[in-house]
């Protein structure tokens, strides 16, 4: 992670949790090389677990192509690790990623984010 800014949107009046928004920056290396910016909304339950939904924008290179693409994500945070399913957003690709489609998973802790992506061009 290169950056993390999380702000509370609201605390629920009945004390059933809170909603936050985070802007997260990542540097990706490996089969996909580039920068990602993730905008995430989280509903935290009183026990510290959460449901997480977001959009992340990747700019970089993969399979000899350069471009950018948006992914939608949804998942859960168990208090230590956030696990999410991701899918490319139809029509969001540019440059060499214009025809990209794909799915994958993410696993994130406070110290590391791991991505597994299955991409088709």
PDB file of N, CA and C in Angstrom:
ATOM      1  N   UNK A   1       0.833  -1.166   0.000  1.00  0.00           N
ATOM      2  CA  UNK A   1       0.000   0.000   0.000  1.00  0.00           C
ATOM      3  C   UNK A   1       0.880   1.232   0.000  1.00  0.00           C
ATOM      4  N   UNK A   2       0.493   2.192  -0.816  1.00  0.00           N
ATOM      5  CA  UNK A   2       1.252   3.432  -0.855  1.00  0.00           C
ATOM      6  C   UNK A   2       0.529   4.549  -0.104  1.00  0.00           C
ATOM      7  N   UNK A   3      -0.765   4.404   0.110  1.00  0.00           N
ATOM      8  CA  UNK A   3      -1.513   5.413   0.865  1.00  0.00           C
ATOM      9  C   UNK A   3      -2.813   4.818   1.397  1.00  0.00           C
ATOM     10  N   UNK A   4      -3.331   5.411   2.468  1.00  0.00           N
ATOM     11  CA  UNK A   4      -4.606   5.006   3.066  1.00  0.00           C
ATOM     12  C   UNK A   4      -5.192   6.212   3.784  1.00  0.00           C
ATOM     13  N   UNK A   5      -6.367   6.634   3.346  1.00  0.00           N
ATOM     14  CA  UNK A   5      -7.093   7.717   4.015  1.00  0.00           C
ATOM     15  C   UNK A   5      -8.516   7.228   4.234  1.00  0.00           C
ATOM     16  N   UNK A   6      -8.878   7.001   5.493  1.00  0.00           N
ATOM     17  CA  UNK A   6     -10.218   6.499   5.815  1.00  0.00           C
ATOM     18  C   UNK A   6     -10.937   7.507   6.697  1.00  0.00           C
ATOM     19  N   UNK A   7     -12.176   7.805   6.345  1.00  0.00           N
ATOM     20  CA  UNK A   7     -12.982   8.763   7.090  1.00  0.00           C
ATOM     21  C   UNK A   7     -14.351   8.154   7.396  1.00  0.00           C
ATOM     22  N   UNK A   8     -14.837   8.445   8.575  1.00  0.00           N
ATOM     23  CA  UNK A   8     -16.168   7.973   8.960  1.00  0.00           C
ATOM     24  C   UNK A   8     -17.230   8.803   8.249  1.00  0.00           C
ATOM     25  N   UNK A   9     -18.192   8.112   7.648  1.00  0.00           N
ATOM     26  CA  UNK A   9     -19.319   8.785   7.005  1.00  0.00           C
ATOM     27  C   UNK A   9     -20.438   8.979   8.013  1.00  0.00           C
ATOM     28  N   UNK A  10     -20.724   7.915   8.784  1.00  0.00           N
ATOM     29  CA  UNK A  10     -21.744   8.032   9.825  1.00  0.00           C
ATOM     30  C   UNK A  10     -21.622   6.909  10.838  1.00  0.00           C
ATOM     31  N   UNK A  11     -21.991   7.232  12.070  1.00  0.00           N
ATOM     32  CA  UNK A  11     -22.192   6.235  13.111  1.00  0.00           C
ATOM     33  C   UNK A  11     -23.695   6.014  13.179  1.00  0.00           C
ATOM     34  N   UNK A  12     -24.116   4.779  13.156  1.00  0.00           N
ATOM     35  CA  UNK A  12     -25.538   4.481  13.154  1.00  0.00           C
ATOM     36  C   UNK A  12     -26.129   4.765  14.530  1.00  0.00           C
ATOM     37  N   UNK A  13     -27.274   5.442  14.550  1.00  0.00           N
ATOM     38  CA  UNK A  13     -27.891   5.923  15.792  1.00  0.00           C
ATOM     39  C   UNK A  13     -28.211   4.798  16.767  1.00  0.00           C
ATOM     40  N   UNK A  14     -28.534   3.629  16.262  1.00  0.00           N
ATOM     41  CA  UNK A  14     -28.891   2.522  17.146  1.00  0.00           C
ATOM     42  C   UNK A  14     -27.669   1.720  17.605  1.00  0.00           C
ATOM     43  N   UNK A  15     -26.480   2.265  17.383  1.00  0.00           N
ATOM     44  CA  UNK A  15     -25.215   1.644  17.786  1.00  0.00           C
ATOM     45  C   UNK A  15     -24.961   0.299  17.119  1.00  0.00           C
ATOM     46  N   UNK A  16     -25.543   0.117  15.912  1.00  0.00           N
ATOM     47  CA  UNK A  16     -25.342  -1.145  15.198  1.00  0.00           C
ATOM     48  C   UNK A  16     -24.127  -1.112  14.283  1.00  0.00           C
ATOM     49  N   UNK A  17     -23.322  -0.065  14.369  1.00  0.00           N
ATOM     50  CA  UNK A  17     -22.101  -0.001  13.583  1.00  0.00           C
ATOM     51  C   UNK A  17     -21.845   1.380  13.030  1.00  0.00           C
ATOM     52  N   UNK A  18     -20.903   1.425  12.069  1.00  0.00           N
ATOM     53  CA  UNK A  18     -20.575   2.690  11.422  1.00  0.00           C
ATOM     54  C   UNK A  18     -20.228   2.428   9.967  1.00  0.00           C
ATOM     55  N   UNK A  19     -20.288   3.485   9.171  1.00  0.00           N
ATOM     56  CA  UNK A  19     -19.953   3.417   7.753  1.00  0.00           C
ATOM     57  C   UNK A  19     -18.762   4.345   7.517  1.00  0.00           C
ATOM     58  N   UNK A  20     -17.749   3.830   6.812  1.00  0.00           N
ATOM     59  CA  UNK A  20     -16.569   4.636   6.494  1.00  0.00           C
ATOM     60  C   UNK A  20     -16.301   4.587   4.992  1.00  0.00           C
ATOM     61  N   UNK A  21     -15.497   5.532   4.540  1.00  0.00           N
ATOM     62  CA  UNK A  21     -15.028   5.555   3.157  1.00  0.00           C
ATOM     63  C   UNK A  21     -13.517   5.653   3.199  1.00  0.00           C
ATOM     64  N   UNK A  22     -12.846   4.822   2.402  1.00  0.00           N
ATOM     65  CA  UNK A  22     -11.387   4.850   2.351  1.00  0.00           C
ATOM     66  C   UNK A  22     -10.920   5.045   0.919  1.00  0.00           C
ATOM     67  N   UNK A  23      -9.874   5.842   0.761  1.00  0.00           N
ATOM     68  CA  UNK A  23      -9.158   6.001  -0.502  1.00  0.00           C
ATOM     69  C   UNK A  23      -7.789   5.365  -0.282  1.00  0.00           C
ATOM     70  N   UNK A  24      -7.499   4.332  -1.075  1.00  0.00           N
ATOM     71  CA  UNK A  24      -6.305   3.522  -0.854  1.00  0.00           C
ATOM     72  C   UNK A  24      -5.476   3.488  -2.135  1.00  0.00           C
ATOM     73  N   UNK A  25      -4.179   3.675  -2.019  1.00  0.00           N
ATOM     74  CA  UNK A  25      -3.278   3.575  -3.158  1.00  0.00           C
ATOM     75  C   UNK A  25      -2.424   2.322  -3.055  1.00  0.00           C
ATOM     76  N   UNK A  26      -2.169   1.688  -4.204  1.00  0.00           N
ATOM     77  CA  UNK A  26      -1.380   0.457  -4.254  1.00  0.00           C
ATOM     78  C   UNK A  26      -0.365   0.542  -5.375  1.00  0.00           C
ATOM     79  N   UNK A  27       0.733  -0.148  -5.202  1.00  0.00           N
ATOM     80  CA  UNK A  27       1.699  -0.412  -6.267  1.00  0.00           C
ATOM     81  C   UNK A  27       1.625  -1.902  -6.531  1.00  0.00           C
ATOM     82  N   UNK A  28       1.334  -2.275  -7.775  1.00  0.00           N
ATOM     83  CA  UNK A  28       1.207  -3.690  -8.129  1.00  0.00           C
ATOM     84  C   UNK A  28       2.437  -4.120  -8.928  1.00  0.00           C
ATOM     85  N   UNK A  29       2.938  -5.326  -8.626  1.00  0.00           N
ATOM     86  CA  UNK A  29       4.056  -5.898  -9.363  1.00  0.00           C
ATOM     87  C   UNK A  29       3.743  -7.360  -9.646  1.00  0.00           C
ATOM     88  N   UNK A  30       4.409  -7.904 -10.651  1.00  0.00           N
ATOM     89  CA  UNK A  30       4.182  -9.294 -11.040  1.00  0.00           C
ATOM     90  C   UNK A  30       3.650  -9.336 -12.460  1.00  0.00           C
ATOM     91  N   UNK A  31       2.702 -10.220 -12.732  1.00  0.00           N
ATOM     92  CA  UNK A  31       2.114 -10.309 -14.069  1.00  0.00           C
ATOM     93  C   UNK A  31       1.423  -9.010 -14.464  1.00  0.00           C
ATOM     94  N   UNK A  32       0.912  -8.292 -13.468  1.00  0.00           N
ATOM     95  CA  UNK A  32       0.342  -6.956 -13.672  1.00  0.00           C
ATOM     96  C   UNK A  32       1.255  -5.978 -12.954  1.00  0.00           C
ATOM     97  N   UNK A  33       1.695  -4.962 -13.676  1.00  0.00           N
ATOM     98  CA  UNK A  33       2.603  -3.972 -13.095  1.00  0.00           C
ATOM     99  C   UNK A  33       1.972  -2.598 -13.245  1.00  0.00           C
ATOM    100  N   UNK A  34       1.789  -1.887 -12.129  1.00  0.00           N
ATOM    101  CA  UNK A  34       1.210  -0.560 -12.233  1.00  0.00           C
ATOM    102  C   UNK A  34       0.763  -0.003 -10.899  1.00  0.00           C
ATOM    103  N   UNK A  35      -0.072   1.016 -10.994  1.00  0.00           N
ATOM    104  CA  UNK A  35      -0.614   1.704  -9.830  1.00  0.00           C
ATOM    105  C   UNK A  35      -2.118   1.497  -9.787  1.00  0.00           C
ATOM    106  N   UNK A  36      -2.651   1.351  -8.587  1.00  0.00           N
ATOM    107  CA  UNK A  36      -4.097   1.213  -8.418  1.00  0.00           C
ATOM    108  C   UNK A  36      -4.575   2.197  -7.366  1.00  0.00           C
ATOM    109  N   UNK A  37      -5.742   2.772  -7.619  1.00  0.00           N
ATOM    110  CA  UNK A  37      -6.407   3.649  -6.664  1.00  0.00           C
ATOM    111  C   UNK A  37      -7.759   3.025  -6.353  1.00  0.00           C
ATOM    112  N   UNK A  38      -8.020   2.790  -5.078  1.00  0.00           N
ATOM    113  CA  UNK A  38      -9.203   2.060  -4.634  1.00  0.00           C
ATOM    114  C   UNK A  38     -10.073   2.974  -3.782  1.00  0.00           C
ATOM    115  N   UNK A  39     -11.340   3.113  -4.161  1.00  0.00           N
ATOM    116  CA  UNK A  39     -12.323   3.857  -3.362  1.00  0.00           C
ATOM    117  C   UNK A  39     -13.281   2.839  -2.772  1.00  0.00           C
ATOM    118  N   UNK A  40     -13.315   2.744  -1.437  1.00  0.00           N
ATOM    119  CA  UNK A  40     -14.026   1.676  -0.752  1.00  0.00           C
ATOM    120  C   UNK A  40     -14.977   2.252   0.294  1.00  0.00           C
ATOM    121  N   UNK A  41     -16.165   1.662   0.400  1.00  0.00           N
ATOM    122  CA  UNK A  41     -17.099   1.975   1.476  1.00  0.00           C
ATOM    123  C   UNK A  41     -17.201   0.729   2.344  1.00  0.00           C
ATOM    124  N   UNK A  42     -17.118   0.926   3.672  1.00  0.00           N
ATOM    125  CA  UNK A  42     -17.144  -0.197   4.599  1.00  0.00           C
ATOM    126  C   UNK A  42     -18.214   0.007   5.661  1.00  0.00           C
ATOM    127  N   UNK A  43     -18.972  -1.040   5.912  1.00  0.00           N
ATOM    128  CA  UNK A  43     -19.909  -1.050   7.034  1.00  0.00           C
ATOM    129  C   UNK A  43     -19.263  -1.896   8.126  1.00  0.00           C
ATOM    130  N   UNK A  44     -18.868  -1.251   9.229  1.00  0.00           N
ATOM    131  CA  UNK A  44     -18.270  -1.949  10.362  1.00  0.00           C
ATOM    132  C   UNK A  44     -19.347  -2.303  11.377  1.00  0.00           C
ATOM    133  N   UNK A  45     -19.400  -3.570  11.731  1.00  0.00           N
ATOM    134  CA  UNK A  45     -20.286  -4.026  12.796  1.00  0.00           C
ATOM    135  C   UNK A  45     -19.634  -3.725  14.150  1.00  0.00           C
ATOM    136  N   UNK A  46     -20.403  -3.737  15.231  1.00  0.00           N
ATOM    137  CA  UNK A  46     -19.822  -3.448  16.548  1.00  0.00           C
ATOM    138  C   UNK A  46     -18.661  -4.378  16.937  1.00  0.00           C
ATOM    139  N   UNK A  47     -18.618  -5.594  16.391  1.00  0.00           N
ATOM    140  CA  UNK A  47     -17.529  -6.519  16.735  1.00  0.00           C
ATOM    141  C   UNK A  47     -16.248  -6.261  15.947  1.00  0.00           C
ATOM    142  N   UNK A  48     -16.242  -5.226  15.065  1.00  0.00           N
ATOM    143  CA  UNK A  48     -15.048  -4.869  14.309  1.00  0.00           C
ATOM    144  C   UNK A  48     -14.930  -5.528  12.950  1.00  0.00           C
ATOM    145  N   UNK A  49     -15.836  -6.456  12.620  1.00  0.00           N
ATOM    146  CA  UNK A  49     -15.848  -7.037  11.284  1.00  0.00           C
ATOM    147  C   UNK A  49     -16.592  -6.080  10.356  1.00  0.00           C
ATOM    148  N   UNK A  50     -16.456  -6.297   9.048  1.00  0.00           N
ATOM    149  CA  UNK A  50     -17.062  -5.347   8.119  1.00  0.00           C
ATOM    150  C   UNK A  50     -17.434  -6.001   6.798  1.00  0.00           C
ATOM    151  N   UNK A  51     -18.371  -5.378   6.113  1.00  0.00           N
ATOM    152  CA  UNK A  51     -18.673  -5.665   4.718  1.00  0.00           C
ATOM    153  C   UNK A  51     -18.047  -4.538   3.911  1.00  0.00           C
ATOM    154  N   UNK A  52     -17.376  -4.901   2.802  1.00  0.00           N
ATOM    155  CA  UNK A  52     -16.583  -3.947   2.035  1.00  0.00           C
ATOM    156  C   UNK A  52     -17.030  -3.970   0.573  1.00  0.00           C
ATOM    157  N   UNK A  53     -17.309  -2.794  -0.001  1.00  0.00           N
ATOM    158  CA  UNK A  53     -17.603  -2.684  -1.435  1.00  0.00           C
ATOM    159  C   UNK A  53     -16.780  -1.541  -2.008  1.00  0.00           C
ATOM    160  N   UNK A  54     -16.348  -1.680  -3.256  1.00  0.00           N
ATOM    161  CA  UNK A  54     -15.521  -0.612  -3.796  1.00  0.00           C
ATOM    162  C   UNK A  54     -15.315  -0.679  -5.285  1.00  0.00           C
ATOM    163  N   UNK A  55     -14.630   0.343  -5.769  1.00  0.00           N
ATOM    164  CA  UNK A  55     -14.178   0.442  -7.151  1.00  0.00           C
ATOM    165  C   UNK A  55     -12.692   0.758  -7.117  1.00  0.00           C
ATOM    166  N   UNK A  56     -11.911   0.022  -7.912  1.00  0.00           N
ATOM    167  CA  UNK A  56     -10.495   0.379  -7.995  1.00  0.00           C
ATOM    168  C   UNK A  56     -10.070   0.494  -9.442  1.00  0.00           C
ATOM    169  N   UNK A  57      -9.251   1.506  -9.668  1.00  0.00           N
ATOM    170  CA  UNK A  57      -8.794   1.862 -11.004  1.00  0.00           C
ATOM    171  C   UNK A  57      -7.327   1.481 -11.136  1.00  0.00           C
ATOM    172  N   UNK A  58      -7.033   0.646 -12.101  1.00  0.00           N
ATOM    173  CA  UNK A  58      -5.673   0.175 -12.353  1.00  0.00           C
ATOM    174  C   UNK A  58      -5.124   0.851 -13.600  1.00  0.00           C
ATOM    175  N   UNK A  59      -3.932   1.409 -13.497  1.00  0.00           N
ATOM    176  CA  UNK A  59      -3.194   1.938 -14.642  1.00  0.00           C
ATOM    177  C   UNK A  59      -1.862   1.223 -14.670  1.00  0.00           C
ATOM    178  N   UNK A  60      -1.575   0.539 -15.784  1.00  0.00           N
ATOM    179  CA  UNK A  60      -0.321  -0.197 -15.815  1.00  0.00           C
ATOM    180  C   UNK A  60      -0.156  -1.035 -17.053  1.00  0.00           C
ATOM    181  N   UNK A  61       0.517  -2.168 -16.883  1.00  0.00           N
ATOM    182  CA  UNK A  61       0.782  -3.063 -18.007  1.00  0.00           C
ATOM    183  C   UNK A  61       0.579  -4.513 -17.583  1.00  0.00           C
ATOM    184  N   UNK A  62       0.165  -5.309 -18.573  1.00  0.00           N
ATOM    185  CA  UNK A  62      -0.013  -6.758 -18.386  1.00  0.00           C
ATOM    186  C   UNK A  62      -0.007  -7.400 -19.765  1.00  0.00           C
ATOM    187  N   UNK A  63       0.608  -8.550 -19.877  1.00  0.00           N
ATOM    188  CA  UNK A  63       0.627  -9.311 -21.136  1.00  0.00           C
ATOM    189  C   UNK A  63       1.116  -8.459 -22.306  1.00  0.00           C
ATOM    190  N   UNK A  64       2.111  -7.586 -22.055  1.00  0.00           N
ATOM    191  CA  UNK A  64       2.661  -6.754 -23.119  1.00  0.00           C
ATOM    192  C   UNK A  64       1.787  -5.591 -23.540  1.00  0.00           C
ATOM    193  N   UNK A  65       0.731  -5.313 -22.778  1.00  0.00           N
ATOM    194  CA  UNK A  65      -0.188  -4.214 -23.106  1.00  0.00           C
ATOM    195  C   UNK A  65      -0.157  -3.177 -21.995  1.00  0.00           C
ATOM    196  N   UNK A  66      -0.422  -1.924 -22.370  1.00  0.00           N
ATOM    197  CA  UNK A  66      -0.508  -0.845 -21.385  1.00  0.00           C
ATOM    198  C   UNK A  66      -1.870  -0.190 -21.490  1.00  0.00           C
ATOM    199  N   UNK A  67      -2.416   0.174 -20.337  1.00  0.00           N
ATOM    200  CA  UNK A  67      -3.703   0.850 -20.335  1.00  0.00           C
ATOM    201  C   UNK A  67      -4.221   1.013 -18.929  1.00  0.00           C
ATOM    202  N   UNK A  68      -5.528   1.237 -18.841  1.00  0.00           N
ATOM    203  CA  UNK A  68      -6.178   1.342 -17.537  1.00  0.00           C
ATOM    204  C   UNK A  68      -7.531   0.655 -17.602  1.00  0.00           C
ATOM    205  N   UNK A  69      -8.017   0.275 -16.417  1.00  0.00           N
ATOM    206  CA  UNK A  69      -9.311  -0.410 -16.324  1.00  0.00           C
ATOM    207  C   UNK A  69      -9.844  -0.256 -14.904  1.00  0.00           C
ATOM    208  N   UNK A  70     -11.156  -0.280 -14.775  1.00  0.00           N
ATOM    209  CA  UNK A  70     -11.822  -0.199 -13.474  1.00  0.00           C
ATOM    210  C   UNK A  70     -12.296  -1.589 -13.071  1.00  0.00           C
ATOM    211  N   UNK A  71     -12.164  -1.891 -11.785  1.00  0.00           N
ATOM    212  CA  UNK A  71     -12.678  -3.137 -11.217  1.00  0.00           C
ATOM    213  C   UNK A  71     -13.672  -2.798 -10.114  1.00  0.00           C
ATOM    214  N   UNK A  72     -14.714  -3.610  -9.988  1.00  0.00           N
ATOM    215  CA  UNK A  72     -15.660  -3.519  -8.870  1.00  0.00           C
ATOM    216  C   UNK A  72     -15.329  -4.645  -7.904  1.00  0.00           C
ATOM    217  N   UNK A  73     -15.436  -4.368  -6.603  1.00  0.00           N
ATOM    218  CA  UNK A  73     -15.097  -5.378  -5.607  1.00  0.00           C
ATOM    219  C   UNK A  73     -16.149  -5.435  -4.510  1.00  0.00           C
ATOM    220  N   UNK A  74     -16.283  -6.613  -3.934  1.00  0.00           N
ATOM    221  CA  UNK A  74     -17.135  -6.775  -2.753  1.00  0.00           C
ATOM    222  C   UNK A  74     -16.576  -7.914  -1.921  1.00  0.00           C
ATOM    223  N   UNK A  75     -16.669  -7.739  -0.597  1.00  0.00           N
ATOM    224  CA  UNK A  75     -16.122  -8.762   0.267  1.00  0.00           C
ATOM    225  C   UNK A  75     -16.373  -8.474   1.725  1.00  0.00           C
ATOM    226  N   UNK A  76     -15.572  -9.106   2.563  1.00  0.00           N
ATOM    227  CA  UNK A  76     -15.738  -9.017   4.002  1.00  0.00           C
ATOM    228  C   UNK A  76     -14.386  -8.868   4.683  1.00  0.00           C
ATOM    229  N   UNK A  77     -14.409  -8.209   5.842  1.00  0.00           N
ATOM    230  CA  UNK A  77     -13.238  -8.009   6.688  1.00  0.00           C
ATOM    231  C   UNK A  77     -13.514  -8.708   8.013  1.00  0.00           C
ATOM    232  N   UNK A  78     -12.612  -9.602   8.435  1.00  0.00           N
ATOM    233  CA  UNK A  78     -12.828 -10.390   9.658  1.00  0.00           C
ATOM    234  C   UNK A  78     -12.179  -9.774  10.899  1.00  0.00           C
ATOM    235  N   UNK A  79     -11.681  -8.557  10.768  1.00  0.00           N
ATOM    236  CA  UNK A  79     -10.980  -7.899  11.863  1.00  0.00           C
ATOM    237  C   UNK A  79      -9.481  -7.906  11.663  1.00  0.00           C
ATOM    238  N   UNK A  80      -8.994  -8.764  10.765  1.00  0.00           N
ATOM    239  CA  UNK A  80      -7.568  -8.859  10.444  1.00  0.00           C
ATOM    240  C   UNK A  80      -7.320  -8.795   8.945  1.00  0.00           C
ATOM    241  N   UNK A  81      -8.111  -9.540   8.182  1.00  0.00           N
ATOM    242  CA  UNK A  81      -7.915  -9.677   6.737  1.00  0.00           C
ATOM    243  C   UNK A  81      -9.204  -9.363   5.995  1.00  0.00           C
ATOM    244  N   UNK A  82      -9.076  -8.594   4.923  1.00  0.00           N
ATOM    245  CA  UNK A  82     -10.208  -8.318   4.033  1.00  0.00           C
ATOM    246  C   UNK A  82     -10.068  -9.199   2.804  1.00  0.00           C
ATOM    247  N   UNK A  83     -11.089 -10.009   2.523  1.00  0.00           N
ATOM    248  CA  UNK A  83     -11.122 -10.868   1.342  1.00  0.00           C
ATOM    249  C   UNK A  83     -12.229 -10.374   0.425  1.00  0.00           C
ATOM    250  N   UNK A  84     -11.899 -10.159  -0.859  1.00  0.00           N
ATOM    251  CA  UNK A  84     -12.884  -9.637  -1.799  1.00  0.00           C
ATOM    252  C   UNK A  84     -12.833 -10.376  -3.123  1.00  0.00           C
ATOM    253  N   UNK A  85     -13.966 -10.387  -3.790  1.00  0.00           N
ATOM    254  CA  UNK A  85     -14.083 -10.836  -5.173  1.00  0.00           C
ATOM    255  C   UNK A  85     -14.073  -9.581  -6.035  1.00  0.00           C
ATOM    256  N   UNK A  86     -13.383  -9.621  -7.176  1.00  0.00           N
ATOM    257  CA  UNK A  86     -13.337  -8.466  -8.067  1.00  0.00           C
ATOM    258  C   UNK A  86     -13.720  -8.882  -9.483  1.00  0.00           C
ATOM    259  N   UNK A  87     -14.232  -7.906 -10.237  1.00  0.00           N
ATOM    260  CA  UNK A  87     -14.536  -8.132 -11.653  1.00  0.00           C
ATOM    261  C   UNK A  87     -14.322  -6.823 -12.387  1.00  0.00           C
ATOM    262  N   UNK A  88     -13.878  -6.927 -13.628  1.00  0.00           N
ATOM    263  CA  UNK A  88     -13.675  -5.718 -14.423  1.00  0.00           C
ATOM    264  C   UNK A  88     -15.030  -5.090 -14.729  1.00  0.00           C
ATOM    265  N   UNK A  89     -15.029  -3.761 -14.876  1.00  0.00           N
ATOM    266  CA  UNK A  89     -16.245  -3.021 -15.203  1.00  0.00           C
ATOM    267  C   UNK A  89     -16.306  -2.878 -16.717  1.00  0.00           C
ATOM    268  N   UNK A  90     -17.345  -3.417 -17.323  1.00  0.00           N
ATOM    269  CA  UNK A  90     -17.533  -3.411 -18.768  1.00  0.00           C
ATOM    270  C   UNK A  90     -17.414  -1.990 -19.324  1.00  0.00           C
ATOM    271  N   UNK A  91     -16.611  -1.832 -20.364  1.00  0.00           N
ATOM    272  CA  UNK A  91     -16.467  -0.552 -21.045  1.00  0.00           C
ATOM    273  C   UNK A  91     -15.516   0.425 -20.387  1.00  0.00           C
ATOM    274  N   UNK A  92     -14.827   0.021 -19.303  1.00  0.00           N
ATOM    275  CA  UNK A  92     -13.951   0.956 -18.586  1.00  0.00           C
ATOM    276  C   UNK A  92     -12.506   0.931 -19.064  1.00  0.00           C
ATOM    277  N   UNK A  93     -12.133  -0.038 -19.878  1.00  0.00           N
ATOM    278  CA  UNK A  93     -10.744  -0.169 -20.293  1.00  0.00           C
ATOM    279  C   UNK A  93     -10.318   0.866 -21.314  1.00  0.00           C
ATOM    280  N   UNK A  94      -9.043   1.273 -21.231  1.00  0.00           N
ATOM    281  CA  UNK A  94      -8.470   2.211 -22.192  1.00  0.00           C
ATOM    282  C   UNK A  94      -7.165   1.641 -22.722  1.00  0.00           C
ATOM    283  N   UNK A  95      -6.706   2.187 -23.852  1.00  0.00           N
ATOM    284  CA  UNK A  95      -5.436   1.761 -24.438  1.00  0.00           C
ATOM    285  C   UNK A  95      -5.432   0.271 -24.700  1.00  0.00           C
ATOM    286  N   UNK A  96      -4.343  -0.401 -24.314  1.00  0.00           N
ATOM    287  CA  UNK A  96      -4.217  -1.840 -24.503  1.00  0.00           C
ATOM    288  C   UNK A  96      -5.161  -2.652 -23.633  1.00  0.00           C
ATOM    289  N   UNK A  97      -5.827  -2.006 -22.678  1.00  0.00           N
ATOM    290  CA  UNK A  97      -6.803  -2.684 -21.817  1.00  0.00           C
ATOM    291  C   UNK A  97      -8.243  -2.453 -22.291  1.00  0.00           C
ATOM    292  N   UNK A  98      -8.418  -1.863 -23.480  1.00  0.00           N
ATOM    293  CA  UNK A  98      -9.758  -1.506 -23.960  1.00  0.00           C
ATOM    294  C   UNK A  98     -10.691  -2.709 -24.041  1.00  0.00           C
ATOM    295  N   UNK A  99     -10.163  -3.878 -24.362  1.00  0.00           N
ATOM    296  CA  UNK A  99     -11.002  -5.071 -24.481  1.00  0.00           C
ATOM    297  C   UNK A  99     -10.863  -6.003 -23.286  1.00  0.00           C
ATOM    298  N   UNK A 100     -10.157  -5.567 -22.247  1.00  0.00           N
ATOM    299  CA  UNK A 100      -9.904  -6.418 -21.094  1.00  0.00           C
ATOM    300  C   UNK A 100     -11.188  -6.772 -20.361  1.00  0.00           C
ATOM    301  N   UNK A 101     -11.292  -8.028 -19.983  1.00  0.00           N
ATOM    302  CA  UNK A 101     -12.317  -8.470 -19.036  1.00  0.00           C
ATOM    303  C   UNK A 101     -11.626  -9.408 -18.067  1.00  0.00           C
ATOM    304  N   UNK A 102     -12.128  -9.462 -16.853  1.00  0.00           N
ATOM    305  CA  UNK A 102     -11.470 -10.333 -15.905  1.00  0.00           C
ATOM    306  C   UNK A 102     -12.146 -10.371 -14.558  1.00  0.00           C
ATOM    307  N   UNK A 103     -11.755 -11.377 -13.797  1.00  0.00           N
ATOM    308  CA  UNK A 103     -12.240 -11.566 -12.435  1.00  0.00           C
ATOM    309  C   UNK A 103     -11.040 -11.895 -11.559  1.00  0.00           C
ATOM    310  N   UNK A 104     -11.265 -11.884 -10.261  1.00  0.00           N
ATOM    311  CA  UNK A 104     -10.177 -12.247  -9.377  1.00  0.00           C
ATOM    312  C   UNK A 104     -10.553 -12.119  -7.920  1.00  0.00           C
ATOM    313  N   UNK A 105      -9.526 -12.175  -7.083  1.00  0.00           N
ATOM    314  CA  UNK A 105      -9.702 -12.061  -5.642  1.00  0.00           C
ATOM    315  C   UNK A 105      -8.616 -11.152  -5.086  1.00  0.00           C
ATOM    316  N   UNK A 106      -8.896 -10.564  -3.942  1.00  0.00           N
ATOM    317  CA  UNK A 106      -7.890  -9.810  -3.203  1.00  0.00           C
ATOM    318  C   UNK A 106      -7.891 -10.283  -1.760  1.00  0.00           C
ATOM    319  N   UNK A 107      -6.743 -10.204  -1.149  1.00  0.00           N
ATOM    320  CA  UNK A 107      -6.576 -10.492   0.269  1.00  0.00           C
ATOM    321  C   UNK A 107      -5.706  -9.382   0.830  1.00  0.00           C
ATOM    322  N   UNK A 108      -6.249  -8.624   1.799  1.00  0.00           N
ATOM    323  CA  UNK A 108      -5.523  -7.465   2.303  1.00  0.00           C
ATOM    324  C   UNK A 108      -5.457  -7.468   3.818  1.00  0.00           C
ATOM    325  N   UNK A 109      -4.263  -7.190   4.339  1.00  0.00           N
ATOM    326  CA  UNK A 109      -4.065  -6.933   5.762  1.00  0.00           C
ATOM    327  C   UNK A 109      -3.564  -5.493   5.881  1.00  0.00           C
ATOM    328  N   UNK A 110      -3.260  -5.064   7.080  1.00  0.00           N
ATOM    329  CA  UNK A 110      -2.756  -3.704   7.260  1.00  0.00           C
ATOM    330  C   UNK A 110      -1.373  -3.521   6.649  1.00  0.00           C
ATOM    331  N   UNK A 111      -0.695  -4.618   6.312  1.00  0.00           N
ATOM    332  CA  UNK A 111       0.666  -4.525   5.805  1.00  0.00           C
ATOM    333  C   UNK A 111       0.847  -4.952   4.361  1.00  0.00           C
ATOM    334  N   UNK A 112      -0.105  -5.721   3.801  1.00  0.00           N
ATOM    335  CA  UNK A 112       0.117  -6.281   2.474  1.00  0.00           C
ATOM    336  C   UNK A 112      -1.206  -6.536   1.771  1.00  0.00           C
ATOM    337  N   UNK A 113      -1.191  -6.362   0.449  1.00  0.00           N
ATOM    338  CA  UNK A 113      -2.340  -6.682  -0.395  1.00  0.00           C
ATOM    339  C   UNK A 113      -1.874  -7.671  -1.449  1.00  0.00           C
ATOM    340  N   UNK A 114      -2.609  -8.764  -1.603  1.00  0.00           N
ATOM    341  CA  UNK A 114      -2.308  -9.748  -2.641  1.00  0.00           C
ATOM    342  C   UNK A 114      -3.488  -9.835  -3.589  1.00  0.00           C
ATOM    343  N   UNK A 115      -3.178  -9.847  -4.893  1.00  0.00           N
ATOM    344  CA  UNK A 115      -4.193  -9.935  -5.932  1.00  0.00           C
ATOM    345  C   UNK A 115      -3.996 -11.215  -6.723  1.00  0.00           C
ATOM    346  N   UNK A 116      -5.076 -11.856  -7.098  1.00  0.00           N
ATOM    347  CA  UNK A 116      -5.061 -12.928  -8.078  1.00  0.00           C
ATOM    348  C   UNK A 116      -6.064 -12.524  -9.129  1.00  0.00           C
ATOM    349  N   UNK A 117      -5.576 -12.282 -10.357  1.00  0.00           N
ATOM    350  CA  UNK A 117      -6.442 -11.831 -11.440  1.00  0.00           C
ATOM    351  C   UNK A 117      -6.380 -12.796 -12.612  1.00  0.00           C
ATOM    352  N   UNK A 118      -7.532 -13.079 -13.195  1.00  0.00           N
ATOM    353  CA  UNK A 118      -7.637 -13.866 -14.417  1.00  0.00           C
ATOM    354  C   UNK A 118      -8.136 -12.912 -15.496  1.00  0.00           C
ATOM    355  N   UNK A 119      -7.217 -12.462 -16.371  1.00  0.00           N
ATOM    356  CA  UNK A 119      -7.539 -11.436 -17.343  1.00  0.00           C
ATOM    357  C   UNK A 119      -7.595 -12.011 -18.751  1.00  0.00           C
ATOM    358  N   UNK A 120      -8.537 -11.504 -19.546  1.00  0.00           N
ATOM    359  CA  UNK A 120      -8.637 -11.860 -20.967  1.00  0.00           C
ATOM    360  C   UNK A 120      -8.672 -10.578 -21.781  1.00  0.00           C
ATOM    361  N   UNK A 121      -7.947 -10.606 -22.913  1.00  0.00           N
ATOM    362  CA  UNK A 121      -7.907  -9.427 -23.780  1.00  0.00           C
ATOM    363  C   UNK A 121      -8.618  -9.726 -25.096  1.00  0.00           C
TER     364      UNK A 121
END
